[in-house]
Amino acid sequence: MKRLLTLCVLTFGATAPLAAEETIETLDVPTWFDGCTALSGTLIANEMDTRCMSSAYDYCELGHPPVERRVCIEKLNAHLLAKTKEIAEGLPDQVAGLSGFEKWSYPRRLEKFRNDEFDPDCSQMTEFMCETFNIIVRWSAARDLERLSNAPRGSDEE
């Protein structure tokens, strides 16, 4: 009985992925990513953005045949570069209503972002992985600055 069960698993297990690959429709990852990040306007927005990003890259890795994975990641990278540029163009030099640490950190973080002063350690990565990592870091920084510049403020008095 165990042999029959093993044979069935091997037989059907081997053919099911082939059939699934033929009929599976691939997800438009950049569009999905935009929809996911649009939902992240909460107190845990940075965490939500991280999960959306992770899921998008995971889908490129796991939801595509090996020959299409890099193409998916390149498409997502290009999308993130465009989004980062779009966000960067709308970032103000100063934000009224910030106080405390936010008031002190916003201009410094904005300068670091504009000067591209990110220094990731890519020593253990391929060039493509490092490029992708840099794109992710810049997009995350842009989103964080965007949120900070758009956050609702109380009184503008300090």
Protein backbone atom coordinates (compact mmCIF):
# COMPACT_ATOMS: atom_id res chain seq x y z
CA MET A 1 0.00 0.00 0.00
CA LYS A 2 2.85 2.37 0.86
CA ARG A 3 4.46 1.69 -2.49
CA LEU A 4 1.24 2.49 -4.32
CA LEU A 5 0.81 5.69 -2.36
CA THR A 6 4.43 6.66 -3.05
CA LEU A 7 3.99 5.89 -6.73
CA CYS A 8 0.80 7.97 -6.91
CA VAL A 9 2.50 10.89 -5.18
CA LEU A 10 5.49 10.67 -7.49
CA THR A 11 3.35 10.28 -10.59
CA PHE A 12 0.80 12.97 -9.87
CA GLY A 13 3.27 15.18 -8.07
CA ALA A 14 5.51 15.20 -11.12
CA THR A 15 2.76 16.00 -13.60
CA ALA A 16 0.79 18.55 -11.62
CA PRO A 17 3.47 21.27 -11.69
CA LEU A 18 3.86 20.85 -15.44
CA ALA A 19 0.15 21.30 -15.99
CA ALA A 20 0.07 24.25 -13.60
CA GLU A 21 2.95 25.99 -15.38
CA GLU A 22 1.13 25.75 -18.70
CA THR A 23 -2.11 27.29 -17.45
CA ILE A 24 -0.89 29.67 -14.75
CA GLU A 25 -1.31 33.36 -15.44
CA THR A 26 1.49 35.52 -14.17
CA LEU A 27 0.75 38.44 -11.95
CA ASP A 28 1.64 41.97 -13.00
CA VAL A 29 3.96 42.44 -10.04
CA PRO A 30 4.42 46.26 -10.27
CA THR A 31 0.65 46.79 -10.36
CA TRP A 32 0.15 44.41 -7.44
CA PHE A 33 2.96 46.13 -5.55
CA ASP A 34 1.35 49.57 -6.02
CA GLY A 35 -1.97 48.22 -4.76
CA CYS A 36 -0.33 46.64 -1.74
CA THR A 37 1.63 49.76 -0.78
CA ALA A 38 -1.46 51.92 -1.24
CA LEU A 39 -2.93 50.02 1.71
CA SER A 40 0.02 50.82 3.97
CA GLY A 41 -1.08 54.23 5.22
CA THR A 42 -1.30 53.09 8.83
CA LEU A 43 0.77 53.39 11.97
CA ILE A 44 2.74 50.37 10.80
CA ALA A 45 3.24 51.71 7.28
CA ASN A 46 6.96 50.97 7.12
CA GLU A 47 6.34 47.36 8.13
CA MET A 48 3.56 47.08 5.55
CA ASP A 49 5.81 48.51 2.83
CA THR A 50 8.50 45.99 3.78
CA ARG A 51 6.03 43.13 3.53
CA CYS A 52 4.72 44.35 0.17
CA MET A 53 8.27 44.63 -1.14
CA SER A 54 9.26 41.22 0.19
CA SER A 55 6.15 39.59 -1.26
CA ALA A 56 6.69 41.20 -4.66
CA TYR A 57 10.28 39.99 -4.89
CA ASP A 58 9.28 36.58 -3.53
CA TYR A 59 6.65 36.31 -6.24
CA CYS A 60 9.27 37.07 -8.88
CA GLU A 61 11.41 34.28 -7.45
CA LEU A 62 8.74 31.70 -6.69
CA GLY A 63 5.90 32.51 -9.07
CA HIS A 64 7.87 32.44 -12.29
CA PRO A 65 9.81 29.76 -14.11
CA PRO A 66 13.57 30.17 -13.62
CA VAL A 67 14.09 31.75 -17.06
CA GLU A 68 11.58 34.55 -16.24
CA ARG A 69 12.69 35.39 -12.70
CA ARG A 70 15.34 37.93 -13.54
CA VAL A 71 13.04 39.64 -16.05
CA CYS A 72 10.39 39.97 -13.33
CA ILE A 73 12.90 41.44 -10.88
CA GLU A 74 14.25 43.84 -13.52
CA LYS A 75 10.71 44.99 -14.27
CA LEU A 76 10.03 45.53 -10.56
CA ASN A 77 13.36 47.35 -10.15
CA ALA A 78 12.52 49.69 -13.05
CA HIS A 79 9.12 50.34 -11.51
CA LEU A 80 10.68 51.16 -8.12
CA LEU A 81 13.20 53.49 -9.74
CA ALA A 82 10.37 55.36 -11.46
CA LYS A 83 8.36 55.52 -8.22
CA THR A 84 11.40 56.76 -6.30
CA LYS A 85 11.97 59.51 -8.86
CA GLU A 86 8.29 60.49 -8.71
CA ILE A 87 8.38 60.69 -4.90
CA ALA A 88 11.70 62.57 -4.90
CA GLU A 89 10.34 65.27 -7.21
CA GLY A 90 7.54 66.01 -4.74
CA LEU A 91 9.60 66.15 -1.54
CA PRO A 92 9.70 69.65 -0.03
CA ASP A 93 12.90 71.12 1.40
CA GLN A 94 11.13 71.89 4.66
CA VAL A 95 7.98 70.63 6.31
CA ALA A 96 5.89 72.92 8.46
CA GLY A 97 4.54 71.43 11.64
CA LEU A 98 7.34 69.00 12.39
CA SER A 99 8.64 69.04 15.91
CA GLY A 100 11.23 67.31 18.04
CA PHE A 101 13.24 64.58 16.38
CA GLU A 102 11.26 64.76 13.13
CA LYS A 103 12.04 68.47 12.75
CA TRP A 104 15.73 67.77 13.30
CA SER A 105 15.97 64.60 11.19
CA TYR A 106 13.89 65.47 8.10
CA PRO A 107 16.40 67.88 6.49
CA ARG A 108 19.31 65.55 7.25
CA ARG A 109 17.55 62.49 5.88
CA LEU A 110 16.43 64.47 2.83
CA GLU A 111 20.00 65.62 2.16
CA LYS A 112 21.30 62.07 2.54
CA PHE A 113 18.62 60.87 0.12
CA ARG A 114 19.27 63.61 -2.44
CA ASN A 115 23.03 63.06 -2.29
CA ASP A 116 22.58 59.30 -2.58
CA GLU A 117 24.61 58.74 0.57
CA PHE A 118 23.58 55.16 1.11
CA ASP A 119 26.46 52.82 1.71
CA PRO A 120 25.23 49.23 1.72
CA ASP A 121 27.70 46.44 2.20
CA CYS A 122 27.54 44.51 -1.04
CA SER A 123 30.62 42.40 -0.41
CA GLN A 124 28.59 39.20 -0.16
CA MET A 125 26.28 39.98 -3.10
CA THR A 126 26.36 39.73 -6.85
CA GLU A 127 26.32 43.01 -8.76
CA PHE A 128 22.64 42.47 -9.66
CA MET A 129 21.71 41.74 -6.05
CA CYS A 130 23.55 44.86 -4.89
CA GLU A 131 21.81 46.98 -7.52
CA THR A 132 18.44 45.60 -6.43
CA PHE A 133 19.28 46.21 -2.78
CA ASN A 134 20.22 49.84 -3.53
CA ILE A 135 16.95 50.36 -5.38
CA ILE A 136 15.02 48.96 -2.41
CA VAL A 137 16.91 51.12 0.10
CA ARG A 138 16.34 54.31 -1.93
CA TRP A 139 12.64 53.57 -2.46
CA SER A 140 12.17 52.84 1.25
CA ALA A 141 13.91 56.09 2.19
CA ALA A 142 11.79 58.02 -0.31
CA ARG A 143 8.57 56.50 1.04
CA ASP A 144 9.57 57.33 4.59
CA LEU A 145 10.36 60.95 3.68
CA GLU A 146 7.13 61.19 1.71
CA ARG A 147 5.11 59.99 4.69
CA LEU A 148 6.90 62.39 6.99
CA SER A 149 6.29 65.33 4.66
CA ASN A 150 2.60 64.45 4.22
CA ALA A 151 1.79 63.46 7.79
CA PRO A 152 -1.15 65.34 9.28
CA ARG A 153 0.01 67.94 11.76
CA GLY A 154 -1.60 69.47 14.76
CA SER A 155 -0.88 73.10 15.33
CA ASP A 156 1.93 74.73 13.38
CA GLU A 157 2.93 76.58 16.55
CA GLU A 158 6.04 75.41 18.36
